[in-house]
Amino acid sequence: MIRLETPTRYYLCGVQQDLFGRWELWRGWGAKGSALGNCLRQPASDEAHAQALLAELLKTRQARGYQLVRLA
C-alpha cells in the first residue's frame, strides 16, 4: 500500500486482486484526524494494466502537492 499526504489530507492506493482473481486499483482518501473519508476500487484487465493505472495516479497526486510517505 502506498500512502501520500499533504499537510491536511491523505491518500492511500495500491494494486490488488479481488476475491474472484480480477485485478483492481484500490484507493482511499480523507482528511487527517477525521473519521470521514472514502474509497474506490477501479477494475483493470490484468496486473500490468492495474500497475499502469497506479503509476498514472501517483503522477497526478504528486502534481497536486501530495508527498510520498510510505511504500509497503
Protein backbone atom coordinates (compact mmCIF):
# COMPACT_ATOMS: atom_id res chain seq x y z
CA MET A 1 0.00 0.00 0.00
CA ILE A 2 1.27 3.45 -0.87
CA ARG A 3 0.50 6.48 1.30
CA LEU A 4 0.63 10.06 0.08
CA GLU A 5 -0.06 13.15 2.20
CA THR A 6 -0.47 16.90 2.13
CA PRO A 7 -0.45 18.91 5.37
CA THR A 8 -4.20 18.27 5.83
CA ARG A 9 -5.15 15.29 3.62
CA TYR A 10 -4.06 11.70 2.96
CA TYR A 11 -4.37 9.33 0.02
CA LEU A 12 -3.84 5.55 0.02
CA CYS A 13 -3.56 3.42 -3.10
CA GLY A 14 -2.45 0.01 -4.23
CA VAL A 15 -2.92 -2.81 -6.71
CA GLN A 16 -4.65 -5.99 -5.56
CA GLN A 17 -6.79 -8.89 -6.69
CA ASP A 18 -10.38 -9.21 -5.58
CA LEU A 19 -11.93 -12.45 -4.30
CA PHE A 20 -12.55 -13.62 -7.86
CA GLY A 21 -8.97 -13.08 -9.03
CA ARG A 22 -9.66 -9.90 -11.01
CA TRP A 23 -7.08 -7.12 -10.73
CA GLU A 24 -8.06 -3.70 -9.43
CA LEU A 25 -6.63 -0.38 -8.33
CA TRP A 26 -7.75 0.40 -4.79
CA ARG A 27 -7.68 3.96 -3.45
CA GLY A 28 -8.83 5.66 -0.30
CA TRP A 29 -8.68 9.28 0.84
CA GLY A 30 -9.73 11.67 3.56
CA ALA A 31 -8.75 14.44 5.94
CA LYS A 32 -6.12 13.83 8.59
CA GLY A 33 -7.59 13.46 12.05
CA SER A 34 -11.07 12.76 10.74
CA ALA A 35 -13.01 9.50 10.72
CA LEU A 36 -14.58 10.54 7.44
CA GLY A 37 -13.17 9.51 4.08
CA ASN A 38 -13.97 7.37 1.10
CA CYS A 39 -12.59 4.60 -1.08
CA LEU A 40 -12.89 3.43 -4.64
CA ARG A 41 -11.99 0.23 -6.49
CA GLN A 42 -11.21 0.60 -10.19
CA PRO A 43 -11.19 -2.64 -12.22
CA ALA A 44 -8.27 -3.45 -14.54
CA SER A 45 -7.92 -6.00 -17.33
CA ASP A 46 -4.73 -7.52 -15.86
CA GLU A 47 -1.92 -6.78 -13.40
CA ALA A 48 0.09 -4.73 -15.92
CA HIS A 49 -2.95 -2.53 -16.60
CA ALA A 50 -3.50 -2.06 -12.85
CA GLN A 51 0.17 -1.08 -12.37
CA ALA A 52 -0.12 1.43 -15.24
CA LEU A 53 -3.23 2.95 -13.61
CA LEU A 54 -1.31 3.20 -10.33
CA ALA A 55 1.66 4.94 -11.99
CA GLU A 56 -0.66 7.49 -13.62
CA LEU A 57 -2.48 8.07 -10.31
CA LEU A 58 0.81 8.67 -8.48
CA LYS A 59 1.85 11.24 -11.09
CA THR A 60 -1.46 13.06 -10.73
CA ARG A 61 -1.40 13.09 -6.92
CA GLN A 62 2.21 14.33 -6.79
CA ALA A 63 1.35 17.07 -9.29
CA ARG A 64 -1.37 18.17 -6.86
CA GLY A 65 1.10 18.52 -3.98
CA TYR A 66 0.90 15.10 -2.30
CA GLN A 67 4.18 13.71 -0.96
CA LEU A 68 5.04 10.01 -0.77
CA VAL A 69 5.10 8.95 2.91
CA ARG A 70 5.37 5.18 2.94
CA LEU A 71 5.68 2.43 0.41
CA ALA A 72 4.81 -1.03 1.75
